[in-house]
Amino acid sequence: MITSLCLSLCLAAGAGRAEPVGRVTNGSFEEVGPLGVPLDWSAVLGDVANRAEVCEEARTGRYSLRLLRAVDKGEVGFNRAWTANNGQQAKML
């Protein structure tokens, strides 16, 4: 009885939650710019041998992100694109 009451209260509490504010824009890389880079993102390539590219091998959605790092050629990754004082800091969340 107590277990079912706790479960019911937990489900009721979760049902009233609103969507989070400030979700990451283009988090699934579906919007790609003219240079092939996902909008609102920028590549971090420690060396010209490293690559970051959008590909169509996705688990869900249309695209995924492929990061290719050459052996011992620095870091490779993706960060949120951001310009200081542009009023769009919410895109960083």
PDB file of N, CA and C in Angstrom:
ATOM      1  N   MET A   1       0.821  -1.189   0.000  1.00  0.00           N
ATOM      2  CA  MET A   1       0.000   0.000   0.000  1.00  0.00           C
ATOM      3  C   MET A   1       0.872   1.262   0.000  1.00  0.00           C
ATOM      4  N   ILE A   2       1.868   1.287   0.885  1.00  0.00           N
ATOM      5  CA  ILE A   2       2.747   2.456   0.973  1.00  0.00           C
ATOM      6  C   ILE A   2       3.546   2.612  -0.316  1.00  0.00           C
ATOM      7  N   THR A   3       3.997   1.484  -0.885  1.00  0.00           N
ATOM      8  CA  THR A   3       4.772   1.540  -2.128  1.00  0.00           C
ATOM      9  C   THR A   3       3.946   2.123  -3.263  1.00  0.00           C
ATOM     10  N   SER A   4       2.698   1.684  -3.397  1.00  0.00           N
ATOM     11  CA  SER A   4       1.857   2.204  -4.477  1.00  0.00           C
ATOM     12  C   SER A   4       1.515   3.676  -4.258  1.00  0.00           C
ATOM     13  N   LEU A   5       1.380   4.104  -2.997  1.00  0.00           N
ATOM     14  CA  LEU A   5       1.120   5.511  -2.705  1.00  0.00           C
ATOM     15  C   LEU A   5       2.327   6.362  -3.092  1.00  0.00           C
ATOM     16  N   CYS A   6       3.534   5.901  -2.748  1.00  0.00           N
ATOM     17  CA  CYS A   6       4.753   6.638  -3.108  1.00  0.00           C
ATOM     18  C   CYS A   6       4.903   6.729  -4.617  1.00  0.00           C
ATOM     19  N   LEU A   7       4.653   5.625  -5.304  1.00  0.00           N
ATOM     20  CA  LEU A   7       4.750   5.612  -6.762  1.00  0.00           C
ATOM     21  C   LEU A   7       3.742   6.570  -7.378  1.00  0.00           C
ATOM     22  N   SER A   8       2.529   6.591  -6.864  1.00  0.00           N
ATOM     23  CA  SER A   8       1.502   7.501  -7.378  1.00  0.00           C
ATOM     24  C   SER A   8       1.889   8.955  -7.170  1.00  0.00           C
ATOM     25  N   LEU A   9       2.444   9.275  -6.006  1.00  0.00           N
ATOM     26  CA  LEU A   9       2.865  10.647  -5.732  1.00  0.00           C
ATOM     27  C   LEU A   9       4.023  11.063  -6.635  1.00  0.00           C
ATOM     28  N   CYS A  10       4.961  10.158  -6.869  1.00  0.00           N
ATOM     29  CA  CYS A  10       6.092  10.473  -7.754  1.00  0.00           C
ATOM     30  C   CYS A  10       5.617  10.723  -9.179  1.00  0.00           C
ATOM     31  N   LEU A  11       4.718   9.892  -9.660  1.00  0.00           N
ATOM     32  CA  LEU A  11       4.191  10.073 -11.013  1.00  0.00           C
ATOM     33  C   LEU A  11       3.410  11.374 -11.130  1.00  0.00           C
ATOM     34  N   ALA A  12       2.626  11.707 -10.115  1.00  0.00           N
ATOM     35  CA  ALA A  12       1.853  12.947 -10.142  1.00  0.00           C
ATOM     36  C   ALA A  12       2.771  14.163 -10.111  1.00  0.00           C
ATOM     37  N   ALA A  13       3.843  14.103  -9.350  1.00  0.00           N
ATOM     38  CA  ALA A  13       4.779  15.229  -9.278  1.00  0.00           C
ATOM     39  C   ALA A  13       5.479  15.437 -10.612  1.00  0.00           C
ATOM     40  N   GLY A  14       5.838  14.356 -11.281  1.00  0.00           N
ATOM     41  CA  GLY A  14       6.519  14.466 -12.570  1.00  0.00           C
ATOM     42  C   GLY A  14       5.606  14.934 -13.681  1.00  0.00           C
ATOM     43  N   ALA A  15       4.319  14.655 -13.578  1.00  0.00           N
ATOM     44  CA  ALA A  15       3.385  15.038 -14.641  1.00  0.00           C
ATOM     45  C   ALA A  15       3.193  16.541 -14.724  1.00  0.00           C
ATOM     46  N   GLY A  16       3.397  17.258 -13.636  1.00  0.00           N
ATOM     47  CA  GLY A  16       3.172  18.698 -13.631  1.00  0.00           C
ATOM     48  C   GLY A  16       4.384  19.522 -14.024  1.00  0.00           C
ATOM     49  N   ARG A  17       5.488  18.883 -14.362  1.00  0.00           N
ATOM     50  CA  ARG A  17       6.702  19.627 -14.701  1.00  0.00           C
ATOM     51  C   ARG A  17       6.606  20.247 -16.081  1.00  0.00           C
ATOM     52  N   ALA A  18       7.141  21.446 -16.182  1.00  0.00           N
ATOM     53  CA  ALA A  18       7.176  22.142 -17.475  1.00  0.00           C
ATOM     54  C   ALA A  18       8.481  21.800 -18.190  1.00  0.00           C
ATOM     55  N   GLU A  19       8.530  22.055 -19.473  1.00  0.00           N
ATOM     56  CA  GLU A  19       9.752  21.869 -20.251  1.00  0.00           C
ATOM     57  C   GLU A  19      10.830  22.809 -19.736  1.00  0.00           C
ATOM     58  N   PRO A  20      12.086  22.359 -19.707  1.00  0.00           N
ATOM     59  CA  PRO A  20      13.154  23.247 -19.235  1.00  0.00           C
ATOM     60  C   PRO A  20      13.340  24.442 -20.157  1.00  0.00           C
ATOM     61  N   VAL A  21      13.658  25.574 -19.553  1.00  0.00           N
ATOM     62  CA  VAL A  21      13.882  26.801 -20.305  1.00  0.00           C
ATOM     63  C   VAL A  21      15.346  26.857 -20.712  1.00  0.00           C
ATOM     64  N   GLY A  22      15.639  27.402 -21.876  1.00  0.00           N
ATOM     65  CA  GLY A  22      17.020  27.561 -22.310  1.00  0.00           C
ATOM     66  C   GLY A  22      17.654  26.278 -22.797  1.00  0.00           C
ATOM     67  N   ARG A  23      16.910  25.446 -23.504  1.00  0.00           N
ATOM     68  CA  ARG A  23      17.458  24.208 -24.028  1.00  0.00           C
ATOM     69  C   ARG A  23      18.525  24.512 -25.067  1.00  0.00           C
ATOM     70  N   VAL A  24      19.449  23.608 -25.234  1.00  0.00           N
ATOM     71  CA  VAL A  24      20.529  23.777 -26.205  1.00  0.00           C
ATOM     72  C   VAL A  24      19.934  23.843 -27.605  1.00  0.00           C
ATOM     73  N   THR A  25      20.284  24.893 -28.343  1.00  0.00           N
ATOM     74  CA  THR A  25      19.792  25.014 -29.711  1.00  0.00           C
ATOM     75  C   THR A  25      20.575  24.080 -30.619  1.00  0.00           C
ATOM     76  N   ASN A  26      19.884  23.467 -31.544  1.00  0.00           N
ATOM     77  CA  ASN A  26      20.475  22.567 -32.533  1.00  0.00           C
ATOM     78  C   ASN A  26      21.296  21.463 -31.864  1.00  0.00           C
ATOM     79  N   GLY A  27      20.790  20.941 -30.763  1.00  0.00           N
ATOM     80  CA  GLY A  27      21.498  19.903 -30.023  1.00  0.00           C
ATOM     81  C   GLY A  27      21.656  18.601 -30.777  1.00  0.00           C
ATOM     82  N   SER A  28      20.834  18.353 -31.778  1.00  0.00           N
ATOM     83  CA  SER A  28      20.947  17.124 -32.562  1.00  0.00           C
ATOM     84  C   SER A  28      21.625  17.353 -33.909  1.00  0.00           C
ATOM     85  N   PHE A  29      22.182  18.547 -34.104  1.00  0.00           N
ATOM     86  CA  PHE A  29      22.936  18.891 -35.323  1.00  0.00           C
ATOM     87  C   PHE A  29      22.094  18.809 -36.595  1.00  0.00           C
ATOM     88  N   GLU A  30      20.777  18.951 -36.491  1.00  0.00           N
ATOM     89  CA  GLU A  30      19.897  18.850 -37.655  1.00  0.00           C
ATOM     90  C   GLU A  30      20.003  20.055 -38.581  1.00  0.00           C
ATOM     91  N   GLU A  31      20.345  21.224 -38.032  1.00  0.00           N
ATOM     92  CA  GLU A  31      20.473  22.432 -38.854  1.00  0.00           C
ATOM     93  C   GLU A  31      21.947  22.638 -39.196  1.00  0.00           C
ATOM     94  N   VAL A  32      22.266  22.504 -40.482  1.00  0.00           N
ATOM     95  CA  VAL A  32      23.653  22.602 -40.936  1.00  0.00           C
ATOM     96  C   VAL A  32      23.816  23.863 -41.772  1.00  0.00           C
ATOM     97  N   GLY A  33      24.881  24.621 -41.493  1.00  0.00           N
ATOM     98  CA  GLY A  33      25.159  25.845 -42.233  1.00  0.00           C
ATOM     99  C   GLY A  33      25.762  25.554 -43.600  1.00  0.00           C
ATOM    100  N   PRO A  34      25.998  26.590 -44.403  1.00  0.00           N
ATOM    101  CA  PRO A  34      26.494  26.422 -45.769  1.00  0.00           C
ATOM    102  C   PRO A  34      27.889  25.787 -45.848  1.00  0.00           C
ATOM    103  N   LEU A  35      28.676  25.868 -44.778  1.00  0.00           N
ATOM    104  CA  LEU A  35      30.015  25.266 -44.787  1.00  0.00           C
ATOM    105  C   LEU A  35      30.018  23.840 -44.237  1.00  0.00           C
ATOM    106  N   GLY A  36      28.825  23.296 -43.963  1.00  0.00           N
ATOM    107  CA  GLY A  36      28.729  21.932 -43.459  1.00  0.00           C
ATOM    108  C   GLY A  36      28.901  21.796 -41.962  1.00  0.00           C
ATOM    109  N   VAL A  37      28.949  22.901 -41.240  1.00  0.00           N
ATOM    110  CA  VAL A  37      29.093  22.889 -39.784  1.00  0.00           C
ATOM    111  C   VAL A  37      27.719  23.109 -39.165  1.00  0.00           C
ATOM    112  N   PRO A  38      27.343  22.347 -38.138  1.00  0.00           N
ATOM    113  CA  PRO A  38      26.053  22.563 -37.490  1.00  0.00           C
ATOM    114  C   PRO A  38      25.934  23.993 -36.961  1.00  0.00           C
ATOM    115  N   LEU A  39      24.767  24.603 -37.183  1.00  0.00           N
ATOM    116  CA  LEU A  39      24.529  25.960 -36.689  1.00  0.00           C
ATOM    117  C   LEU A  39      24.664  25.994 -35.174  1.00  0.00           C
ATOM    118  N   ASP A  40      25.182  27.087 -34.650  1.00  0.00           N
ATOM    119  CA  ASP A  40      25.383  27.336 -33.223  1.00  0.00           C
ATOM    120  C   ASP A  40      26.510  26.501 -32.615  1.00  0.00           C
ATOM    121  N   TRP A  41      27.316  25.849 -33.426  1.00  0.00           N
ATOM    122  CA  TRP A  41      28.438  25.043 -32.952  1.00  0.00           C
ATOM    123  C   TRP A  41      29.710  25.457 -33.687  1.00  0.00           C
ATOM    124  N   SER A  42      30.871  25.222 -33.073  1.00  0.00           N
ATOM    125  CA  SER A  42      32.143  25.478 -33.746  1.00  0.00           C
ATOM    126  C   SER A  42      33.111  24.340 -33.435  1.00  0.00           C
ATOM    127  N   ALA A  43      33.902  23.977 -34.425  1.00  0.00           N
ATOM    128  CA  ALA A  43      34.846  22.871 -34.272  1.00  0.00           C
ATOM    129  C   ALA A  43      36.081  23.323 -33.513  1.00  0.00           C
ATOM    130  N   VAL A  44      36.628  22.428 -32.716  1.00  0.00           N
ATOM    131  CA  VAL A  44      37.902  22.634 -32.031  1.00  0.00           C
ATOM    132  C   VAL A  44      38.847  21.584 -32.603  1.00  0.00           C
ATOM    133  N   LEU A  45      39.748  22.035 -33.456  1.00  0.00           N
ATOM    134  CA  LEU A  45      40.664  21.107 -34.112  1.00  0.00           C
ATOM    135  C   LEU A  45      42.090  21.492 -33.744  1.00  0.00           C
ATOM    136  N   GLY A  46      42.781  20.645 -33.015  1.00  0.00           N
ATOM    137  CA  GLY A  46      44.133  20.952 -32.580  1.00  0.00           C
ATOM    138  C   GLY A  46      45.162  20.855 -33.687  1.00  0.00           C
ATOM    139  N   ASP A  47      44.798  20.291 -34.832  1.00  0.00           N
ATOM    140  CA  ASP A  47      45.732  20.100 -35.932  1.00  0.00           C
ATOM    141  C   ASP A  47      44.932  20.000 -37.228  1.00  0.00           C
ATOM    142  N   VAL A  48      45.539  20.354 -38.349  1.00  0.00           N
ATOM    143  CA  VAL A  48      44.830  20.296 -39.633  1.00  0.00           C
ATOM    144  C   VAL A  48      44.480  18.862 -40.025  1.00  0.00           C
ATOM    145  N   ALA A  49      45.137  17.868 -39.425  1.00  0.00           N
ATOM    146  CA  ALA A  49      44.828  16.469 -39.724  1.00  0.00           C
ATOM    147  C   ALA A  49      43.535  16.017 -39.047  1.00  0.00           C
ATOM    148  N   ASN A  50      43.079  16.739 -38.027  1.00  0.00           N
ATOM    149  CA  ASN A  50      41.841  16.397 -37.328  1.00  0.00           C
ATOM    150  C   ASN A  50      40.644  16.935 -38.100  1.00  0.00           C
ATOM    151  N   ARG A  51      39.513  16.227 -37.976  1.00  0.00           N
ATOM    152  CA  ARG A  51      38.306  16.671 -38.679  1.00  0.00           C
ATOM    153  C   ARG A  51      37.083  16.516 -37.787  1.00  0.00           C
ATOM    154  N   ALA A  52      36.124  17.375 -38.024  1.00  0.00           N
ATOM    155  CA  ALA A  52      34.808  17.279 -37.400  1.00  0.00           C
ATOM    156  C   ALA A  52      33.806  17.467 -38.524  1.00  0.00           C
ATOM    157  N   GLU A  53      32.891  16.508 -38.680  1.00  0.00           N
ATOM    158  CA  GLU A  53      31.970  16.578 -39.810  1.00  0.00           C
ATOM    159  C   GLU A  53      30.601  16.033 -39.433  1.00  0.00           C
ATOM    160  N   VAL A  54      29.606  16.504 -40.127  1.00  0.00           N
ATOM    161  CA  VAL A  54      28.248  16.005 -39.972  1.00  0.00           C
ATOM    162  C   VAL A  54      28.106  14.807 -40.896  1.00  0.00           C
ATOM    163  N   CYS A  55      27.506  13.732 -40.395  1.00  0.00           N
ATOM    164  CA  CYS A  55      27.289  12.564 -41.247  1.00  0.00           C
ATOM    165  C   CYS A  55      25.847  12.084 -41.084  1.00  0.00           C
ATOM    166  N   GLU A  56      25.422  11.224 -41.982  1.00  0.00           N
ATOM    167  CA  GLU A  56      24.040  10.746 -41.977  1.00  0.00           C
ATOM    168  C   GLU A  56      23.882   9.407 -41.262  1.00  0.00           C
ATOM    169  N   GLU A  57      24.886   8.962 -40.549  1.00  0.00           N
ATOM    170  CA  GLU A  57      24.792   7.740 -39.753  1.00  0.00           C
ATOM    171  C   GLU A  57      24.303   8.116 -38.363  1.00  0.00           C
ATOM    172  N   ALA A  58      23.000   8.289 -38.222  1.00  0.00           N
ATOM    173  CA  ALA A  58      22.430   8.775 -36.963  1.00  0.00           C
ATOM    174  C   ALA A  58      21.570   7.703 -36.317  1.00  0.00           C
ATOM    175  N   ARG A  59      21.593   7.663 -35.005  1.00  0.00           N
ATOM    176  CA  ARG A  59      20.720   6.743 -34.280  1.00  0.00           C
ATOM    177  C   ARG A  59      19.282   7.250 -34.324  1.00  0.00           C
ATOM    178  N   THR A  60      19.114   8.543 -34.106  1.00  0.00           N
ATOM    179  CA  THR A  60      17.812   9.188 -34.252  1.00  0.00           C
ATOM    180  C   THR A  60      18.034  10.462 -35.044  1.00  0.00           C
ATOM    181  N   GLY A  61      17.010  10.997 -35.631  1.00  0.00           N
ATOM    182  CA  GLY A  61      17.155  12.204 -36.443  1.00  0.00           C
ATOM    183  C   GLY A  61      17.844  11.890 -37.764  1.00  0.00           C
ATOM    184  N   ARG A  62      18.272  12.930 -38.451  1.00  0.00           N
ATOM    185  CA  ARG A  62      18.903  12.749 -39.760  1.00  0.00           C
ATOM    186  C   ARG A  62      20.415  12.743 -39.701  1.00  0.00           C
ATOM    187  N   TYR A  63      21.004  13.452 -38.731  1.00  0.00           N
ATOM    188  CA  TYR A  63      22.450  13.625 -38.712  1.00  0.00           C
ATOM    189  C   TYR A  63      23.061  13.252 -37.371  1.00  0.00           C
ATOM    190  N   SER A  64      24.339  13.001 -37.409  1.00  0.00           N
ATOM    191  CA  SER A  64      25.149  12.849 -36.204  1.00  0.00           C
ATOM    192  C   SER A  64      26.457  13.590 -36.446  1.00  0.00           C
ATOM    193  N   LEU A  65      27.294  13.633 -35.453  1.00  0.00           N
ATOM    194  CA  LEU A  65      28.557  14.345 -35.568  1.00  0.00           C
ATOM    195  C   LEU A  65      29.692  13.336 -35.485  1.00  0.00           C
ATOM    196  N   ARG A  66      30.605  13.398 -36.432  1.00  0.00           N
ATOM    197  CA  ARG A  66      31.767  12.509 -36.452  1.00  0.00           C
ATOM    198  C   ARG A  66      33.014  13.341 -36.152  1.00  0.00           C
ATOM    199  N   LEU A  67      33.751  12.930 -35.129  1.00  0.00           N
ATOM    200  CA  LEU A  67      35.007  13.580 -34.767  1.00  0.00           C
ATOM    201  C   LEU A  67      36.138  12.616 -35.098  1.00  0.00           C
ATOM    202  N   LEU A  68      37.073  13.070 -35.922  1.00  0.00           N
ATOM    203  CA  LEU A  68      38.196  12.233 -36.338  1.00  0.00           C
ATOM    204  C   LEU A  68      39.490  12.865 -35.849  1.00  0.00           C
ATOM    205  N   ARG A  69      40.226  12.127 -35.036  1.00  0.00           N
ATOM    206  CA  ARG A  69      41.479  12.638 -34.472  1.00  0.00           C
ATOM    207  C   ARG A  69      42.644  11.815 -35.002  1.00  0.00           C
ATOM    208  N   ALA A  70      43.573  12.485 -35.655  1.00  0.00           N
ATOM    209  CA  ALA A  70      44.792  11.821 -36.099  1.00  0.00           C
ATOM    210  C   ALA A  70      45.642  11.492 -34.868  1.00  0.00           C
ATOM    211  N   VAL A  71      46.395  10.431 -34.933  1.00  0.00           N
ATOM    212  CA  VAL A  71      47.208   9.996 -33.798  1.00  0.00           C
ATOM    213  C   VAL A  71      48.162  11.107 -33.363  1.00  0.00           C
ATOM    214  N   ASP A  72      48.148  11.420 -32.079  1.00  0.00           N
ATOM    215  CA  ASP A  72      49.046  12.430 -31.486  1.00  0.00           C
ATOM    216  C   ASP A  72      48.962  13.790 -32.164  1.00  0.00           C
ATOM    217  N   LYS A  73      47.780  14.207 -32.578  1.00  0.00           N
ATOM    218  CA  LYS A  73      47.628  15.497 -33.264  1.00  0.00           C
ATOM    219  C   LYS A  73      46.732  16.452 -32.491  1.00  0.00           C
ATOM    220  N   GLY A  74      46.871  16.487 -31.181  1.00  0.00           N
ATOM    221  CA  GLY A  74      46.102  17.446 -30.390  1.00  0.00           C
ATOM    222  C   GLY A  74      44.667  17.010 -30.173  1.00  0.00           C
ATOM    223  N   GLU A  75      43.876  17.947 -29.680  1.00  0.00           N
ATOM    224  CA  GLU A  75      42.487  17.629 -29.363  1.00  0.00           C
ATOM    225  C   GLU A  75      41.567  17.886 -30.548  1.00  0.00           C
ATOM    226  N   VAL A  76      40.414  17.243 -30.521  1.00  0.00           N
ATOM    227  CA  VAL A  76      39.369  17.492 -31.501  1.00  0.00           C
ATOM    228  C   VAL A  76      38.041  17.453 -30.748  1.00  0.00           C
ATOM    229  N   GLY A  77      37.157  18.379 -31.069  1.00  0.00           N
ATOM    230  CA  GLY A  77      35.878  18.425 -30.390  1.00  0.00           C
ATOM    231  C   GLY A  77      34.969  19.477 -30.988  1.00  0.00           C
ATOM    232  N   PHE A  78      33.839  19.675 -30.349  1.00  0.00           N
ATOM    233  CA  PHE A  78      32.869  20.667 -30.778  1.00  0.00           C
ATOM    234  C   PHE A  78      32.448  21.469 -29.565  1.00  0.00           C
ATOM    235  N   ASN A  79      32.364  22.765 -29.708  1.00  0.00           N
ATOM    236  CA  ASN A  79      31.900  23.663 -28.654  1.00  0.00           C
ATOM    237  C   ASN A  79      30.735  24.477 -29.180  1.00  0.00           C
ATOM    238  N   ARG A  80      30.020  25.071 -28.258  1.00  0.00           N
ATOM    239  CA  ARG A  80      28.953  25.978 -28.651  1.00  0.00           C
ATOM    240  C   ARG A  80      29.575  27.238 -29.219  1.00  0.00           C
ATOM    241  N   ALA A  81      29.109  27.678 -30.376  1.00  0.00           N
ATOM    242  CA  ALA A  81      29.576  28.942 -30.960  1.00  0.00           C
ATOM    243  C   ALA A  81      29.051  30.081 -30.098  1.00  0.00           C
ATOM    244  N   TRP A  82      29.873  31.065 -29.847  1.00  0.00           N
ATOM    245  CA  TRP A  82      29.465  32.148 -28.962  1.00  0.00           C
ATOM    246  C   TRP A  82      30.320  33.374 -29.209  1.00  0.00           C
ATOM    247  N   THR A  83      29.686  34.528 -29.225  1.00  0.00           N
ATOM    248  CA  THR A  83      30.372  35.807 -29.320  1.00  0.00           C
ATOM    249  C   THR A  83      30.030  36.605 -28.072  1.00  0.00           C
ATOM    250  N   ALA A  84      31.035  37.122 -27.403  1.00  0.00           N
ATOM    251  CA  ALA A  84      30.812  37.865 -26.158  1.00  0.00           C
ATOM    252  C   ALA A  84      29.903  39.066 -26.385  1.00  0.00           C
ATOM    253  N   ASN A  85      29.012  39.307 -25.430  1.00  0.00           N
ATOM    254  CA  ASN A  85      28.111  40.471 -25.415  1.00  0.00           C
ATOM    255  C   ASN A  85      27.187  40.566 -26.622  1.00  0.00           C
ATOM    256  N   ASN A  86      26.812  39.427 -27.226  1.00  0.00           N
ATOM    257  CA  ASN A  86      25.904  39.492 -28.370  1.00  0.00           C
ATOM    258  C   ASN A  86      24.445  39.276 -27.967  1.00  0.00           C
ATOM    259  N   GLY A  87      24.201  39.061 -26.668  1.00  0.00           N
ATOM    260  CA  GLY A  87      22.831  38.896 -26.202  1.00  0.00           C
ATOM    261  C   GLY A  87      22.248  37.520 -26.456  1.00  0.00           C
ATOM    262  N   GLN A  88      23.045  36.569 -26.936  1.00  0.00           N
ATOM    263  CA  GLN A  88      22.543  35.231 -27.238  1.00  0.00           C
ATOM    264  C   GLN A  88      23.183  34.168 -26.344  1.00  0.00           C
ATOM    265  N   GLN A  89      23.493  34.532 -25.112  1.00  0.00           N
ATOM    266  CA  GLN A  89      24.130  33.588 -24.217  1.00  0.00           C
ATOM    267  C   GLN A  89      23.244  32.381 -23.919  1.00  0.00           C
ATOM    268  N   ALA A  90      21.935  32.493 -24.084  1.00  0.00           N
ATOM    269  CA  ALA A  90      21.045  31.361 -23.839  1.00  0.00           C
ATOM    270  C   ALA A  90      21.360  30.195 -24.764  1.00  0.00           C
ATOM    271  N   LYS A  91      21.951  30.464 -25.923  1.00  0.00           N
ATOM    272  CA  LYS A  91      22.320  29.379 -26.827  1.00  0.00           C
ATOM    273  C   LYS A  91      23.399  28.489 -26.234  1.00  0.00           C
ATOM    274  N   MET A  92      24.111  28.996 -25.238  1.00  0.00           N
ATOM    275  CA  MET A  92      25.177  28.221 -24.622  1.00  0.00           C
ATOM    276  C   MET A  92      24.637  27.168 -23.659  1.00  0.00           C
ATOM    277  N   LEU A  93      23.396  27.279 -23.222  1.00  0.00           N
ATOM    278  CA  LEU A  93      22.847  26.356 -22.226  1.00  0.00           C
ATOM    279  C   LEU A  93      22.562  25.009 -22.816  1.00  0.00           C
TER     280      LEU A  93
END
